[in-house]
Amino acid sequence: MFFKTKDNLIFSYILEKHKCSENIEKCMELVVDRFLNTYYNSHVVEFKGDLSPFHKFEEAFNHYFEI
């Protein structure tokens, strides 16, 4: 399990240790940055429990990873 904190938010993700590479770690940093740039001011600062705005982020995530 890996953790990244930024702007008082904690991001965690689980990867199989043998599949973890420098590229994956870099991609996760990019995903976190993109998430914050997209949603921080508009949805995270005043988060009220509504997750629906974040469903669109799956497309951005899939840009970096194929699951």
C-alpha atoms as a PDB file:
ATOM      1  CA  MET A   1       0.000   0.000   0.000  1.00  0.00           C
ATOM      2  CA  PHE A   2       1.300   3.430  -0.884  1.00  0.00           C
ATOM      3  CA  PHE A   3       0.293   6.781   0.496  1.00  0.00           C
ATOM      4  CA  LYS A   4       0.644  10.240  -0.919  1.00  0.00           C
ATOM      5  CA  THR A   5      -0.434  13.359   0.903  1.00  0.00           C
ATOM      6  CA  LYS A   6      -1.038  16.687  -0.712  1.00  0.00           C
ATOM      7  CA  ASP A   7      -3.003  19.739   0.383  1.00  0.00           C
ATOM      8  CA  ASN A   8      -4.176  17.923   3.537  1.00  0.00           C
ATOM      9  CA  LEU A   9      -5.603  15.033   1.485  1.00  0.00           C
ATOM     10  CA  ILE A  10      -4.433  11.454   1.748  1.00  0.00           C
ATOM     11  CA  PHE A  11      -4.350   9.302  -1.355  1.00  0.00           C
ATOM     12  CA  SER A  12      -3.715   5.610  -0.908  1.00  0.00           C
ATOM     13  CA  TYR A  13      -3.423   2.869  -3.445  1.00  0.00           C
ATOM     14  CA  ILE A  14      -2.564  -0.799  -3.371  1.00  0.00           C
ATOM     15  CA  LEU A  15      -0.175  -2.409  -5.825  1.00  0.00           C
ATOM     16  CA  GLU A  16       1.399  -5.811  -5.932  1.00  0.00           C
ATOM     17  CA  LYS A  17       4.957  -5.273  -4.804  1.00  0.00           C
ATOM     18  CA  HIS A  18       6.532  -7.186  -7.673  1.00  0.00           C
ATOM     19  CA  LYS A  19       4.546  -5.090 -10.184  1.00  0.00           C
ATOM     20  CA  CYS A  20       5.478  -1.748  -8.684  1.00  0.00           C
ATOM     21  CA  SER A  21       7.862   0.191 -10.845  1.00  0.00           C
ATOM     22  CA  GLU A  22       9.142   3.717 -11.023  1.00  0.00           C
ATOM     23  CA  ASN A  23       6.748   4.312 -13.930  1.00  0.00           C
ATOM     24  CA  ILE A  24       3.726   3.285 -11.884  1.00  0.00           C
ATOM     25  CA  GLU A  25       4.755   5.516  -9.008  1.00  0.00           C
ATOM     26  CA  LYS A  26       5.232   8.448 -11.416  1.00  0.00           C
ATOM     27  CA  CYS A  27       1.846   7.790 -13.020  1.00  0.00           C
ATOM     28  CA  MET A  28       0.200   7.791  -9.596  1.00  0.00           C
ATOM     29  CA  GLU A  29       1.774  11.164  -8.854  1.00  0.00           C
ATOM     30  CA  LEU A  30       0.390  12.474 -12.135  1.00  0.00           C
ATOM     31  CA  VAL A  31      -3.066  11.070 -11.347  1.00  0.00           C
ATOM     32  CA  VAL A  32      -3.083  12.716  -7.913  1.00  0.00           C
ATOM     33  CA  ASP A  33      -1.976  16.043  -9.370  1.00  0.00           C
ATOM     34  CA  ARG A  34      -4.574  15.853 -12.114  1.00  0.00           C
ATOM     35  CA  PHE A  35      -7.290  14.979  -9.594  1.00  0.00           C
ATOM     36  CA  LEU A  36      -6.392  17.963  -7.426  1.00  0.00           C
ATOM     37  CA  ASN A  37      -6.186  20.326 -10.384  1.00  0.00           C
ATOM     38  CA  THR A  38      -9.588  19.161 -11.588  1.00  0.00           C
ATOM     39  CA  TYR A  39     -11.562  18.867  -8.353  1.00  0.00           C
ATOM     40  CA  TYR A  40      -9.820  20.500  -5.415  1.00  0.00           C
ATOM     41  CA  ASN A  41     -11.364  23.970  -5.518  1.00  0.00           C
ATOM     42  CA  SER A  42     -14.690  22.952  -7.018  1.00  0.00           C
ATOM     43  CA  HIS A  43     -15.541  19.818  -5.025  1.00  0.00           C
ATOM     44  CA  VAL A  44     -12.945  18.865  -2.401  1.00  0.00           C
ATOM     45  CA  VAL A  45     -12.700  22.077  -0.367  1.00  0.00           C
ATOM     46  CA  GLU A  46     -16.447  22.101   0.309  1.00  0.00           C
ATOM     47  CA  PHE A  47     -17.024  18.343   0.097  1.00  0.00           C
ATOM     48  CA  LYS A  48     -20.557  17.467   1.167  1.00  0.00           C
ATOM     49  CA  GLY A  49     -20.521  13.716   0.559  1.00  0.00           C
ATOM     50  CA  ASP A  50     -21.663  13.777  -3.077  1.00  0.00           C
ATOM     51  CA  LEU A  51     -19.379  11.478  -5.079  1.00  0.00           C
ATOM     52  CA  SER A  52     -21.101  11.922  -8.441  1.00  0.00           C
ATOM     53  CA  PRO A  53     -18.720  14.656  -9.726  1.00  0.00           C
ATOM     54  CA  PHE A  54     -15.778  12.284  -9.297  1.00  0.00           C
ATOM     55  CA  HIS A  55     -17.163   9.507 -11.523  1.00  0.00           C
ATOM     56  CA  LYS A  56     -15.922  11.373 -14.597  1.00  0.00           C
ATOM     57  CA  PHE A  57     -12.366  11.041 -13.310  1.00  0.00           C
ATOM     58  CA  GLU A  58     -12.304   7.383 -14.314  1.00  0.00           C
ATOM     59  CA  GLU A  59     -11.521   8.495 -17.874  1.00  0.00           C
ATOM     60  CA  ALA A  60      -8.486  10.445 -16.657  1.00  0.00           C
ATOM     61  CA  PHE A  61      -7.329   7.491 -14.581  1.00  0.00           C
ATOM     62  CA  ASN A  62      -7.688   5.166 -17.552  1.00  0.00           C
ATOM     63  CA  HIS A  63      -5.480   7.526 -19.536  1.00  0.00           C
ATOM     64  CA  TYR A  64      -2.549   6.388 -17.368  1.00  0.00           C
ATOM     65  CA  PHE A  65      -3.551   2.799 -16.557  1.00  0.00           C
ATOM     66  CA  GLU A  66      -5.290  -0.043 -18.295  1.00  0.00           C
ATOM     67  CA  ILE A  67      -7.230  -2.084 -15.793  1.00  0.00           C
END
